Amino acid sequence: MMKKVLLVLFTLCCFTLGTAAFAISGIGSVATQVTTNISAIAKLVTAAAYVAGMAFAVTGIVKFKQHKDQPTQYPISTPIAFIFIGAALIFVPSIFSVSGHTLFGSSGQVSSVSGLSSFRT
């Protein structure tokens, strides 16, 4: 029974994807769709990096407290690693901006949280 339901859902998805693919009317529309999707992915990666970085930093602080209470159970390397990983994740959007400027020059644009913006802001 479950296989039949999955087969029906898969078939329905295939028909839906086929109509969505033909809805684009030209190469300009394709380029616009790709640009829109890439900027959304960049925003998602940026937001995920900030959230994960803050989570790692808070976890590092909690691990420092655990190390203070029981130094034999929790080595000092664990909270230090969490803090460094958190800092690296928080600075990922800055690294995107700098690497984009390095690779594409001053005319390159980066997708930030507020949309497309020039590097010369």
PDB file of N, CA and C in Angstrom:
ATOM      1  N   MET A   1       0.817  -1.187   0.000  1.00  0.00           N
ATOM      2  CA  MET A   1       0.000   0.000   0.000  1.00  0.00           C
ATOM      3  C   MET A   1       0.865   1.257   0.000  1.00  0.00           C
ATOM      4  N   MET A   2       1.936   1.243   0.806  1.00  0.00           N
ATOM      5  CA  MET A   2       2.816   2.407   0.902  1.00  0.00           C
ATOM      6  C   MET A   2       3.555   2.632  -0.412  1.00  0.00           C
ATOM      7  N   LYS A   3       3.898   1.553  -1.102  1.00  0.00           N
ATOM      8  CA  LYS A   3       4.581   1.688  -2.382  1.00  0.00           C
ATOM      9  C   LYS A   3       3.687   2.368  -3.416  1.00  0.00           C
ATOM     10  N   LYS A   4       2.403   2.052  -3.382  1.00  0.00           N
ATOM     11  CA  LYS A   4       1.471   2.669  -4.319  1.00  0.00           C
ATOM     12  C   LYS A   4       1.330   4.168  -4.048  1.00  0.00           C
ATOM     13  N   VAL A   5       1.286   4.529  -2.784  1.00  0.00           N
ATOM     14  CA  VAL A   5       1.170   5.944  -2.429  1.00  0.00           C
ATOM     15  C   VAL A   5       2.422   6.693  -2.874  1.00  0.00           C
ATOM     16  N   LEU A   6       3.580   6.105  -2.630  1.00  0.00           N
ATOM     17  CA  LEU A   6       4.830   6.734  -3.058  1.00  0.00           C
ATOM     18  C   LEU A   6       4.908   6.853  -4.573  1.00  0.00           C
ATOM     19  N   LEU A   7       4.436   5.841  -5.282  1.00  0.00           N
ATOM     20  CA  LEU A   7       4.445   5.880  -6.741  1.00  0.00           C
ATOM     21  C   LEU A   7       3.528   6.976  -7.266  1.00  0.00           C
ATOM     22  N   VAL A   8       2.362   7.124  -6.660  1.00  0.00           N
ATOM     23  CA  VAL A   8       1.435   8.185  -7.070  1.00  0.00           C
ATOM     24  C   VAL A   8       2.031   9.558  -6.794  1.00  0.00           C
ATOM     25  N   LEU A   9       2.640   9.752  -5.624  1.00  0.00           N
ATOM     26  CA  LEU A   9       3.271  11.029  -5.299  1.00  0.00           C
ATOM     27  C   LEU A   9       4.433  11.338  -6.230  1.00  0.00           C
ATOM     28  N   PHE A  10       5.238  10.336  -6.542  1.00  0.00           N
ATOM     29  CA  PHE A  10       6.360  10.528  -7.463  1.00  0.00           C
ATOM     30  C   PHE A  10       5.868  10.916  -8.851  1.00  0.00           C
ATOM     31  N   THR A  11       4.823  10.253  -9.327  1.00  0.00           N
ATOM     32  CA  THR A  11       4.259  10.567 -10.642  1.00  0.00           C
ATOM     33  C   THR A  11       3.693  11.983 -10.661  1.00  0.00           C
ATOM     34  N   LEU A  12       3.008  12.370  -9.598  1.00  0.00           N
ATOM     35  CA  LEU A  12       2.462  13.721  -9.505  1.00  0.00           C
ATOM     36  C   LEU A  12       3.578  14.763  -9.506  1.00  0.00           C
ATOM     37  N   CYS A  13       4.653  14.488  -8.794  1.00  0.00           N
ATOM     38  CA  CYS A  13       5.794  15.414  -8.774  1.00  0.00           C
ATOM     39  C   CYS A  13       6.431  15.534 -10.154  1.00  0.00           C
ATOM     40  N   CYS A  14       6.529  14.432 -10.857  1.00  0.00           N
ATOM     41  CA  CYS A  14       7.115  14.469 -12.202  1.00  0.00           C
ATOM     42  C   CYS A  14       6.284  15.330 -13.141  1.00  0.00           C
ATOM     43  N   PHE A  15       4.965  15.213 -13.077  1.00  0.00           N
ATOM     44  CA  PHE A  15       4.105  16.042 -13.918  1.00  0.00           C
ATOM     45  C   PHE A  15       4.208  17.514 -13.538  1.00  0.00           C
ATOM     46  N   THR A  16       4.285  17.791 -12.261  1.00  0.00           N
ATOM     47  CA  THR A  16       4.392  19.174 -11.801  1.00  0.00           C
ATOM     48  C   THR A  16       5.718  19.788 -12.228  1.00  0.00           C
ATOM     49  N   LEU A  17       6.801  19.044 -12.124  1.00  0.00           N
ATOM     50  CA  LEU A  17       8.103  19.558 -12.532  1.00  0.00           C
ATOM     51  C   LEU A  17       8.149  19.805 -14.029  1.00  0.00           C
ATOM     52  N   GLY A  18       7.487  18.991 -14.793  1.00  0.00           N
ATOM     53  CA  GLY A  18       7.464  19.176 -16.240  1.00  0.00           C
ATOM     54  C   GLY A  18       6.780  20.468 -16.634  1.00  0.00           C
ATOM     55  N   THR A  19       5.683  20.795 -15.978  1.00  0.00           N
ATOM     56  CA  THR A  19       4.993  22.051 -16.302  1.00  0.00           C
ATOM     57  C   THR A  19       5.790  23.249 -15.823  1.00  0.00           C
ATOM     58  N   ALA A  20       6.479  23.118 -14.710  1.00  0.00           N
ATOM     59  CA  ALA A  20       7.288  24.236 -14.215  1.00  0.00           C
ATOM     60  C   ALA A  20       8.476  24.496 -15.137  1.00  0.00           C
ATOM     61  N   ALA A  21       9.017  23.456 -15.724  1.00  0.00           N
ATOM     62  CA  ALA A  21      10.161  23.631 -16.618  1.00  0.00           C
ATOM     63  C   ALA A  21       9.766  24.349 -17.894  1.00  0.00           C
ATOM     64  N   PHE A  22       8.547  24.134 -18.391  1.00  0.00           N
ATOM     65  CA  PHE A  22       8.115  24.784 -19.621  1.00  0.00           C
ATOM     66  C   PHE A  22       7.520  26.166 -19.382  1.00  0.00           C
ATOM     67  N   ALA A  23       7.374  26.574 -18.129  1.00  0.00           N
ATOM     68  CA  ALA A  23       6.813  27.891 -17.838  1.00  0.00           C
ATOM     69  C   ALA A  23       7.801  29.004 -18.160  1.00  0.00           C
ATOM     70  N   ILE A  24       9.090  28.697 -18.226  1.00  0.00           N
ATOM     71  CA  ILE A  24      10.112  29.695 -18.530  1.00  0.00           C
ATOM     72  C   ILE A  24      10.103  29.948 -20.028  1.00  0.00           C
ATOM     73  N   SER A  25      10.036  31.231 -20.417  1.00  0.00           N
ATOM     74  CA  SER A  25       9.802  31.543 -21.824  1.00  0.00           C
ATOM     75  C   SER A  25      11.051  31.889 -22.618  1.00  0.00           C
ATOM     76  N   GLY A  26      12.189  32.087 -22.003  1.00  0.00           N
ATOM     77  CA  GLY A  26      13.368  32.448 -22.768  1.00  0.00           C
ATOM     78  C   GLY A  26      14.629  32.363 -21.934  1.00  0.00           C
ATOM     79  N   ILE A  27      15.752  32.635 -22.580  1.00  0.00           N
ATOM     80  CA  ILE A  27      17.042  32.548 -21.895  1.00  0.00           C
ATOM     81  C   ILE A  27      17.163  33.625 -20.822  1.00  0.00           C
ATOM     82  N   GLY A  28      16.524  34.772 -21.050  1.00  0.00           N
ATOM     83  CA  GLY A  28      16.531  35.826 -20.040  1.00  0.00           C
ATOM     84  C   GLY A  28      15.803  35.408 -18.777  1.00  0.00           C
ATOM     85  N   SER A  29      14.687  34.715 -18.961  1.00  0.00           N
ATOM     86  CA  SER A  29      13.932  34.213 -17.804  1.00  0.00           C
ATOM     87  C   SER A  29      14.734  33.166 -17.044  1.00  0.00           C
ATOM     88  N   VAL A  30      15.454  32.335 -17.780  1.00  0.00           N
ATOM     89  CA  VAL A  30      16.294  31.319 -17.144  1.00  0.00           C
ATOM     90  C   VAL A  30      17.381  31.993 -16.312  1.00  0.00           C
ATOM     91  N   ALA A  31      18.025  33.009 -16.887  1.00  0.00           N
ATOM     92  CA  ALA A  31      19.081  33.722 -16.168  1.00  0.00           C
ATOM     93  C   ALA A  31      18.532  34.402 -14.919  1.00  0.00           C
ATOM     94  N   THR A  32      17.357  34.973 -15.034  1.00  0.00           N
ATOM     95  CA  THR A  32      16.735  35.626 -13.877  1.00  0.00           C
ATOM     96  C   THR A  32      16.421  34.612 -12.791  1.00  0.00           C
ATOM     97  N   GLN A  33      15.882  33.472 -13.185  1.00  0.00           N
ATOM     98  CA  GLN A  33      15.569  32.424 -12.205  1.00  0.00           C
ATOM     99  C   GLN A  33      16.827  31.922 -11.511  1.00  0.00           C
ATOM    100  N   VAL A  34      17.889  31.691 -12.275  1.00  0.00           N
ATOM    101  CA  VAL A  34      19.138  31.196 -11.690  1.00  0.00           C
ATOM    102  C   VAL A  34      19.717  32.225 -10.736  1.00  0.00           C
ATOM    103  N   THR A  35      19.710  33.497 -11.139  1.00  0.00           N
ATOM    104  CA  THR A  35      20.223  34.560 -10.272  1.00  0.00           C
ATOM    105  C   THR A  35      19.415  34.664  -8.987  1.00  0.00           C
ATOM    106  N   THR A  36      18.113  34.582  -9.098  1.00  0.00           N
ATOM    107  CA  THR A  36      17.251  34.644  -7.920  1.00  0.00           C
ATOM    108  C   THR A  36      17.531  33.469  -6.986  1.00  0.00           C
ATOM    109  N   ASN A  37      17.660  32.286  -7.556  1.00  0.00           N
ATOM    110  CA  ASN A  37      17.902  31.102  -6.734  1.00  0.00           C
ATOM    111  C   ASN A  37      19.273  31.141  -6.083  1.00  0.00           C
ATOM    112  N   ILE A  38      20.281  31.609  -6.797  1.00  0.00           N
ATOM    113  CA  ILE A  38      21.628  31.654  -6.226  1.00  0.00           C
ATOM    114  C   ILE A  38      21.697  32.670  -5.096  1.00  0.00           C
ATOM    115  N   SER A  39      21.053  33.805  -5.253  1.00  0.00           N
ATOM    116  CA  SER A  39      21.087  34.786  -4.162  1.00  0.00           C
ATOM    117  C   SER A  39      20.350  34.246  -2.941  1.00  0.00           C
ATOM    118  N   ALA A  40      19.286  33.479  -3.156  1.00  0.00           N
ATOM    119  CA  ALA A  40      18.577  32.879  -2.019  1.00  0.00           C
ATOM    120  C   ALA A  40      19.447  31.834  -1.323  1.00  0.00           C
ATOM    121  N   ILE A  41      20.199  31.074  -2.096  1.00  0.00           N
ATOM    122  CA  ILE A  41      21.100  30.080  -1.502  1.00  0.00           C
ATOM    123  C   ILE A  41      22.211  30.768  -0.727  1.00  0.00           C
ATOM    124  N   ALA A  42      22.740  31.864  -1.265  1.00  0.00           N
ATOM    125  CA  ALA A  42      23.788  32.609  -0.557  1.00  0.00           C
ATOM    126  C   ALA A  42      23.261  33.171   0.758  1.00  0.00           C
ATOM    127  N   LYS A  43      22.032  33.656   0.749  1.00  0.00           N
ATOM    128  CA  LYS A  43      21.425  34.154   1.982  1.00  0.00           C
ATOM    129  C   LYS A  43      21.233  33.028   2.991  1.00  0.00           C
ATOM    130  N   LEU A  44      20.844  31.857   2.504  1.00  0.00           N
ATOM    131  CA  LEU A  44      20.660  30.706   3.383  1.00  0.00           C
ATOM    132  C   LEU A  44      21.981  30.280   4.009  1.00  0.00           C
ATOM    133  N   VAL A  45      23.045  30.226   3.204  1.00  0.00           N
ATOM    134  CA  VAL A  45      24.359  29.838   3.724  1.00  0.00           C
ATOM    135  C   VAL A  45      24.841  30.863   4.748  1.00  0.00           C
ATOM    136  N   THR A  46      24.629  32.145   4.454  1.00  0.00           N
ATOM    137  CA  THR A  46      25.036  33.197   5.383  1.00  0.00           C
ATOM    138  C   THR A  46      24.291  33.077   6.713  1.00  0.00           C
ATOM    139  N   ALA A  47      22.991  32.923   6.646  1.00  0.00           N
ATOM    140  CA  ALA A  47      22.198  32.800   7.877  1.00  0.00           C
ATOM    141  C   ALA A  47      22.572  31.546   8.657  1.00  0.00           C
ATOM    142  N   ALA A  48      22.765  30.441   7.942  1.00  0.00           N
ATOM    143  CA  ALA A  48      23.145  29.194   8.619  1.00  0.00           C
ATOM    144  C   ALA A  48      24.519  29.321   9.273  1.00  0.00           C
ATOM    145  N   ALA A  49      25.440  30.030   8.616  1.00  0.00           N
ATOM    146  CA  ALA A  49      26.773  30.218   9.192  1.00  0.00           C
ATOM    147  C   ALA A  49      26.698  31.048  10.471  1.00  0.00           C
ATOM    148  N   TYR A  50      25.894  32.117  10.457  1.00  0.00           N
ATOM    149  CA  TYR A  50      25.748  32.929  11.673  1.00  0.00           C
ATOM    150  C   TYR A  50      25.127  32.122  12.809  1.00  0.00           C
ATOM    151  N   VAL A  51      24.074  31.391  12.520  1.00  0.00           N
ATOM    152  CA  VAL A  51      23.390  30.621  13.569  1.00  0.00           C
ATOM    153  C   VAL A  51      24.295  29.514  14.104  1.00  0.00           C
ATOM    154  N   ALA A  52      24.941  28.784  13.203  1.00  0.00           N
ATOM    155  CA  ALA A  52      25.833  27.704  13.644  1.00  0.00           C
ATOM    156  C   ALA A  52      27.033  28.269  14.406  1.00  0.00           C
ATOM    157  N   GLY A  53      27.553  29.408  13.957  1.00  0.00           N
ATOM    158  CA  GLY A  53      28.678  30.029  14.656  1.00  0.00           C
ATOM    159  C   GLY A  53      28.310  30.427  16.075  1.00  0.00           C
ATOM    160  N   MET A  54      27.136  31.019  16.229  1.00  0.00           N
ATOM    161  CA  MET A  54      26.698  31.389  17.572  1.00  0.00           C
ATOM    162  C   MET A  54      26.463  30.149  18.437  1.00  0.00           C
ATOM    163  N   ALA A  55      25.917  29.099  17.842  1.00  0.00           N
ATOM    164  CA  ALA A  55      25.686  27.857  18.594  1.00  0.00           C
ATOM    165  C   ALA A  55      27.012  27.253  19.052  1.00  0.00           C
ATOM    166  N   PHE A  56      28.010  27.232  18.159  1.00  0.00           N
ATOM    167  CA  PHE A  56      29.312  26.697  18.544  1.00  0.00           C
ATOM    168  C   PHE A  56      29.960  27.561  19.621  1.00  0.00           C
ATOM    169  N   ALA A  57      29.820  28.873  19.531  1.00  0.00           N
ATOM    170  CA  ALA A  57      30.418  29.757  20.536  1.00  0.00           C
ATOM    171  C   ALA A  57      29.771  29.550  21.905  1.00  0.00           C
ATOM    172  N   VAL A  58      28.456  29.453  21.937  1.00  0.00           N
ATOM    173  CA  VAL A  58      27.764  29.218  23.210  1.00  0.00           C
ATOM    174  C   VAL A  58      28.122  27.850  23.771  1.00  0.00           C
ATOM    175  N   THR A  59      28.219  26.861  22.899  1.00  0.00           N
ATOM    176  CA  THR A  59      28.628  25.526  23.349  1.00  0.00           C
ATOM    177  C   THR A  59      30.035  25.557  23.922  1.00  0.00           C
ATOM    178  N   GLY A  60      30.917  26.330  23.292  1.00  0.00           N
ATOM    179  CA  GLY A  60      32.279  26.475  23.813  1.00  0.00           C
ATOM    180  C   GLY A  60      32.294  27.097  25.199  1.00  0.00           C
ATOM    181  N   ILE A  61      31.452  28.095  25.414  1.00  0.00           N
ATOM    182  CA  ILE A  61      31.378  28.733  26.733  1.00  0.00           C
ATOM    183  C   ILE A  61      30.858  27.743  27.776  1.00  0.00           C
ATOM    184  N   VAL A  62      29.848  26.958  27.408  1.00  0.00           N
ATOM    185  CA  VAL A  62      29.314  25.944  28.330  1.00  0.00           C
ATOM    186  C   VAL A  62      30.385  24.894  28.632  1.00  0.00           C
ATOM    187  N   LYS A  63      31.149  24.512  27.617  1.00  0.00           N
ATOM    188  CA  LYS A  63      32.207  23.520  27.830  1.00  0.00           C
ATOM    189  C   LYS A  63      33.316  24.082  28.724  1.00  0.00           C
ATOM    190  N   PHE A  64      33.594  25.398  28.629  1.00  0.00           N
ATOM    191  CA  PHE A  64      34.554  26.015  29.547  1.00  0.00           C
ATOM    192  C   PHE A  64      34.069  25.883  30.986  1.00  0.00           C
ATOM    193  N   LYS A  65      32.787  26.091  31.202  1.00  0.00           N
ATOM    194  CA  LYS A  65      32.208  25.946  32.546  1.00  0.00           C
ATOM    195  C   LYS A  65      32.318  24.501  33.028  1.00  0.00           C
ATOM    196  N   GLN A  66      32.040  23.551  32.130  1.00  0.00           N
ATOM    197  CA  GLN A  66      32.163  22.147  32.504  1.00  0.00           C
ATOM    198  C   GLN A  66      33.613  21.795  32.833  1.00  0.00           C
ATOM    199  N   HIS A  67      34.548  22.361  32.070  1.00  0.00           N
ATOM    200  CA  HIS A  67      35.966  22.103  32.344  1.00  0.00           C
ATOM    201  C   HIS A  67      36.360  22.687  33.700  1.00  0.00           C
ATOM    202  N   LYS A  68      35.829  23.848  34.035  1.00  0.00           N
ATOM    203  CA  LYS A  68      36.135  24.469  35.318  1.00  0.00           C
ATOM    204  C   LYS A  68      35.626  23.618  36.473  1.00  0.00           C
ATOM    205  N   ASP A  69      34.423  23.042  36.302  1.00  0.00           N
ATOM    206  CA  ASP A  69      33.837  22.231  37.370  1.00  0.00           C
ATOM    207  C   ASP A  69      34.510  20.867  37.497  1.00  0.00           C
ATOM    208  N   GLN A  70      34.825  20.224  36.369  1.00  0.00           N
ATOM    209  CA  GLN A  70      35.428  18.887  36.375  1.00  0.00           C
ATOM    210  C   GLN A  70      36.557  18.829  35.343  1.00  0.00           C
ATOM    211  N   PRO A  71      37.732  19.316  35.676  1.00  0.00           N
ATOM    212  CA  PRO A  71      38.820  19.369  34.684  1.00  0.00           C
ATOM    213  C   PRO A  71      39.305  17.997  34.212  1.00  0.00           C
ATOM    214  N   THR A  72      39.117  16.964  35.009  1.00  0.00           N
ATOM    215  CA  THR A  72      39.565  15.643  34.569  1.00  0.00           C
ATOM    216  C   THR A  72      38.613  15.020  33.556  1.00  0.00           C
ATOM    217  N   GLN A  73      37.345  15.395  33.599  1.00  0.00           N
ATOM    218  CA  GLN A  73      36.351  14.826  32.692  1.00  0.00           C
ATOM    219  C   GLN A  73      36.293  15.541  31.351  1.00  0.00           C
ATOM    220  N   TYR A  74      36.546  16.848  31.347  1.00  0.00           N
ATOM    221  CA  TYR A  74      36.427  17.655  30.127  1.00  0.00           C
ATOM    222  C   TYR A  74      37.762  18.326  29.826  1.00  0.00           C
ATOM    223  N   PRO A  75      38.442  17.897  28.771  1.00  0.00           N
ATOM    224  CA  PRO A  75      39.731  18.525  28.441  1.00  0.00           C
ATOM    225  C   PRO A  75      39.535  19.962  27.938  1.00  0.00           C
ATOM    226  N   ILE A  76      40.546  20.783  28.097  1.00  0.00           N
ATOM    227  CA  ILE A  76      40.469  22.190  27.709  1.00  0.00           C
ATOM    228  C   ILE A  76      40.433  22.359  26.187  1.00  0.00           C
ATOM    229  N   SER A  77      40.885  21.350  25.467  1.00  0.00           N
ATOM    230  CA  SER A  77      40.919  21.461  23.998  1.00  0.00           C
ATOM    231  C   SER A  77      39.511  21.503  23.391  1.00  0.00           C
ATOM    232  N   THR A  78      38.546  20.887  24.043  1.00  0.00           N
ATOM    233  CA  THR A  78      37.187  20.859  23.501  1.00  0.00           C
ATOM    234  C   THR A  78      36.561  22.249  23.444  1.00  0.00           C
ATOM    235  N   PRO A  79      36.538  23.015  24.544  1.00  0.00           N
ATOM    236  CA  PRO A  79      35.933  24.348  24.430  1.00  0.00           C
ATOM    237  C   PRO A  79      36.711  25.289  23.519  1.00  0.00           C
ATOM    238  N   ILE A  80      38.027  25.152  23.490  1.00  0.00           N
ATOM    239  CA  ILE A  80      38.825  26.002  22.606  1.00  0.00           C
ATOM    240  C   ILE A  80      38.486  25.701  21.149  1.00  0.00           C
ATOM    241  N   ALA A  81      38.333  24.430  20.818  1.00  0.00           N
ATOM    242  CA  ALA A  81      37.963  24.055  19.449  1.00  0.00           C
ATOM    243  C   ALA A  81      36.582  24.601  19.096  1.00  0.00           C
ATOM    244  N   PHE A  82      35.627  24.499  20.020  1.00  0.00           N
ATOM    245  CA  PHE A  82      34.282  25.026  19.759  1.00  0.00           C
ATOM    246  C   PHE A  82      34.314  26.541  19.528  1.00  0.00           C
ATOM    247  N   ILE A  83      35.093  27.255  20.313  1.00  0.00           N
ATOM    248  CA  ILE A  83      35.180  28.714  20.166  1.00  0.00           C
ATOM    249  C   ILE A  83      35.789  29.073  18.811  1.00  0.00           C
ATOM    250  N   PHE A  84      36.861  28.387  18.412  1.00  0.00           N
ATOM    251  CA  PHE A  84      37.491  28.683  17.117  1.00  0.00           C
ATOM    252  C   PHE A  84      36.564  28.339  15.945  1.00  0.00           C
ATOM    253  N   ILE A  85      35.863  27.223  16.035  1.00  0.00           N
ATOM    254  CA  ILE A  85      34.920  26.852  14.970  1.00  0.00           C
ATOM    255  C   ILE A  85      33.787  27.879  14.900  1.00  0.00           C
ATOM    256  N   GLY A  86      33.289  28.310  16.049  1.00  0.00           N
ATOM    257  CA  GLY A  86      32.243  29.330  16.076  1.00  0.00           C
ATOM    258  C   GLY A  86      32.703  30.642  15.457  1.00  0.00           C
ATOM    259  N   ALA A  87      33.923  31.062  15.784  1.00  0.00           N
ATOM    260  CA  ALA A  87      34.455  32.300  15.206  1.00  0.00           C
ATOM    261  C   ALA A  87      34.629  32.173  13.694  1.00  0.00           C
ATOM    262  N   ALA A  88      35.095  31.027  13.252  1.00  0.00           N
ATOM    263  CA  ALA A  88      35.273  30.820  11.810  1.00  0.00           C
ATOM    264  C   ALA A  88      33.933  30.864  11.091  1.00  0.00           C
ATOM    265  N   LEU A  89      32.910  30.262  11.660  1.00  0.00           N
ATOM    266  CA  LEU A  89      31.593  30.269  11.013  1.00  0.00           C
ATOM    267  C   LEU A  89      30.961  31.664  11.016  1.00  0.00           C
ATOM    268  N   ILE A  90      31.211  32.436  12.052  1.00  0.00           N
ATOM    269  CA  ILE A  90      30.664  33.789  12.091  1.00  0.00           C
ATOM    270  C   ILE A  90      31.300  34.663  11.015  1.00  0.00           C
ATOM    271  N   PHE A  91      32.567  34.408  10.688  1.00  0.00           N
ATOM    272  CA  PHE A  91      33.258  35.225   9.689  1.00  0.00           C
ATOM    273  C   PHE A  91      33.145  34.679   8.265  1.00  0.00           C
ATOM    274  N   VAL A  92      32.375  33.625   8.040  1.00  0.00           N
ATOM    275  CA  VAL A  92      32.201  33.077   6.687  1.00  0.00           C
ATOM    276  C   VAL A  92      31.650  34.104   5.704  1.00  0.00           C
ATOM    277  N   PRO A  93      30.628  34.913   6.047  1.00  0.00           N
ATOM    278  CA  PRO A  93      30.158  35.912   5.078  1.00  0.00           C
ATOM    279  C   PRO A  93      31.230  36.918   4.679  1.00  0.00           C
ATOM    280  N   SER A  94      32.084  37.299   5.611  1.00  0.00           N
ATOM    281  CA  SER A  94      33.178  38.211   5.281  1.00  0.00           C
ATOM    282  C   SER A  94      34.166  37.548   4.333  1.00  0.00           C
ATOM    283  N   ILE A  95      34.400  36.269   4.546  1.00  0.00           N
ATOM    284  CA  ILE A  95      35.317  35.536   3.674  1.00  0.00           C
ATOM    285  C   ILE A  95      34.735  35.443   2.272  1.00  0.00           C
ATOM    286  N   PHE A  96      33.404  35.246   2.161  1.00  0.00           N
ATOM    287  CA  PHE A  96      32.762  35.241   0.843  1.00  0.00           C
ATOM    288  C   PHE A  96      33.001  36.562   0.123  1.00  0.00           C
ATOM    289  N   SER A  97      32.841  37.651   0.834  1.00  0.00           N
ATOM    290  CA  SER A  97      33.003  38.971   0.232  1.00  0.00           C
ATOM    291  C   SER A  97      34.437  39.188  -0.232  1.00  0.00           C
ATOM    292  N   VAL A  98      35.403  38.879   0.610  1.00  0.00           N
ATOM    293  CA  VAL A  98      36.809  39.087   0.257  1.00  0.00           C
ATOM    294  C   VAL A  98      37.229  38.172  -0.886  1.00  0.00           C
ATOM    295  N   SER A  99      36.816  36.919  -0.844  1.00  0.00           N
ATOM    296  CA  SER A  99      37.200  36.002  -1.922  1.00  0.00           C
ATOM    297  C   SER A  99      36.525  36.374  -3.230  1.00  0.00           C
ATOM    298  N   GLY A 100      35.299  36.883  -3.186  1.00  0.00           N
ATOM    299  CA  GLY A 100      34.637  37.350  -4.400  1.00  0.00           C
ATOM    300  C   GLY A 100      35.354  38.534  -4.996  1.00  0.00           C
ATOM    301  N   HIS A 101      35.825  39.448  -4.146  1.00  0.00           N
ATOM    302  CA  HIS A 101      36.569  40.605  -4.628  1.00  0.00           C
ATOM    303  C   HIS A 101      37.906  40.169  -5.213  1.00  0.00           C
ATOM    304  N   THR A 102      38.536  39.182  -4.600  1.00  0.00           N
ATOM    305  CA  THR A 102      39.813  38.687  -5.098  1.00  0.00           C
ATOM    306  C   THR A 102      39.647  37.983  -6.440  1.00  0.00           C
ATOM    307  N   LEU A 103      38.619  37.176  -6.579  1.00  0.00           N
ATOM    308  CA  LEU A 103      38.436  36.404  -7.807  1.00  0.00           C
ATOM    309  C   LEU A 103      37.886  37.221  -8.960  1.00  0.00           C
ATOM    310  N   PHE A 104      36.936  38.119  -8.680  1.00  0.00           N
ATOM    311  CA  PHE A 104      36.225  38.806  -9.749  1.00  0.00           C
ATOM    312  C   PHE A 104      36.564  40.280  -9.869  1.00  0.00           C
ATOM    313  N   GLY A 105      37.421  40.812  -9.031  1.00  0.00           N
ATOM    314  CA  GLY A 105      37.815  42.205  -9.125  1.00  0.00           C
ATOM    315  C   GLY A 105      36.794  43.145  -8.520  1.00  0.00           C
ATOM    316  N   SER A 106      36.995  44.433  -8.755  1.00  0.00           N
ATOM    317  CA  SER A 106      36.138  45.429  -8.120  1.00  0.00           C
ATOM    318  C   SER A 106      34.756  45.515  -8.760  1.00  0.00           C
ATOM    319  N   SER A 107      34.590  44.952  -9.954  1.00  0.00           N
ATOM    320  CA  SER A 107      33.274  45.005 -10.590  1.00  0.00           C
ATOM    321  C   SER A 107      32.373  43.852 -10.150  1.00  0.00           C
ATOM    322  N   GLY A 108      32.887  42.919  -9.371  1.00  0.00           N
ATOM    323  CA  GLY A 108      32.074  41.791  -8.913  1.00  0.00           C
ATOM    324  C   GLY A 108      31.061  42.228  -7.889  1.00  0.00           C
ATOM    325  N   GLN A 109      29.996  41.470  -7.798  1.00  0.00           N
ATOM    326  CA  GLN A 109      28.959  41.753  -6.821  1.00  0.00           C
ATOM    327  C   GLN A 109      28.746  40.516  -5.967  1.00  0.00           C
ATOM    328  N   VAL A 110      28.343  40.758  -4.755  1.00  0.00           N
ATOM    329  CA  VAL A 110      28.107  39.666  -3.826  1.00  0.00           C
ATOM    330  C   VAL A 110      26.673  39.762  -3.328  1.00  0.00           C
ATOM    331  N   SER A 111      26.077  38.630  -3.085  1.00  0.00           N
ATOM    332  CA  SER A 111      24.721  38.618  -2.553  1.00  0.00           C
ATOM    333  C   SER A 111      24.821  38.614  -1.044  1.00  0.00           C
ATOM    334  N   SER A 112      24.346  39.674  -0.450  1.00  0.00           N
ATOM    335  CA  SER A 112      24.377  39.776   0.999  1.00  0.00           C
ATOM    336  C   SER A 112      22.960  39.593   1.545  1.00  0.00           C
ATOM    337  N   VAL A 113      22.794  39.845   2.806  1.00  0.00           N
ATOM    338  CA  VAL A 113      21.489  39.663   3.423  1.00  0.00           C
ATOM    339  C   VAL A 113      20.473  40.633   2.825  1.00  0.00           C
ATOM    340  N   SER A 114      20.932  41.807   2.382  1.00  0.00           N
ATOM    341  CA  SER A 114      20.009  42.790   1.835  1.00  0.00           C
ATOM    342  C   SER A 114      19.879  42.697   0.319  1.00  0.00           C
ATOM    343  N   GLY A 115      20.508  41.741  -0.323  1.00  0.00           N
ATOM    344  CA  GLY A 115      20.406  41.584  -1.774  1.00  0.00           C
ATOM    345  C   GLY A 115      21.736  41.831  -2.445  1.00  0.00           C
ATOM    346  N   LEU A 116      21.710  42.087  -3.732  1.00  0.00           N
ATOM    347  CA  LEU A 116      22.932  42.326  -4.468  1.00  0.00           C
ATOM    348  C   LEU A 116      23.467  43.717  -4.163  1.00  0.00           C
ATOM    349  N   SER A 117      24.748  43.775  -3.853  1.00  0.00           N
ATOM    350  CA  SER A 117      25.365  45.065  -3.575  1.00  0.00           C
ATOM    351  C   SER A 117      26.788  45.054  -4.115  1.00  0.00           C
ATOM    352  N   SER A 118      27.292  46.206  -4.398  1.00  0.00           N
ATOM    353  CA  SER A 118      28.635  46.336  -4.935  1.00  0.00           C
ATOM    354  C   SER A 118      29.655  46.183  -3.813  1.00  0.00           C
ATOM    355  N   PHE A 119      30.889  45.868  -4.159  1.00  0.00           N
ATOM    356  CA  PHE A 119      31.936  45.751  -3.152  1.00  0.00           C
ATOM    357  C   PHE A 119      32.388  47.124  -2.655  1.00  0.00           C
ATOM    358  N   ARG A 120      32.059  48.168  -3.376  1.00  0.00           N
ATOM    359  CA  ARG A 120      32.538  49.506  -3.022  1.00  0.00           C
ATOM    360  C   ARG A 120      31.538  50.252  -2.159  1.00  0.00           C
ATOM    361  N   THR A 121      30.908  49.567  -1.211  1.00  0.00           N
ATOM    362  CA  THR A 121      29.939  50.247  -0.353  1.00  0.00           C
ATOM    363  C   THR A 121      30.594  50.775   0.887  1.00  0.00           C
TER     364      THR A 121
END
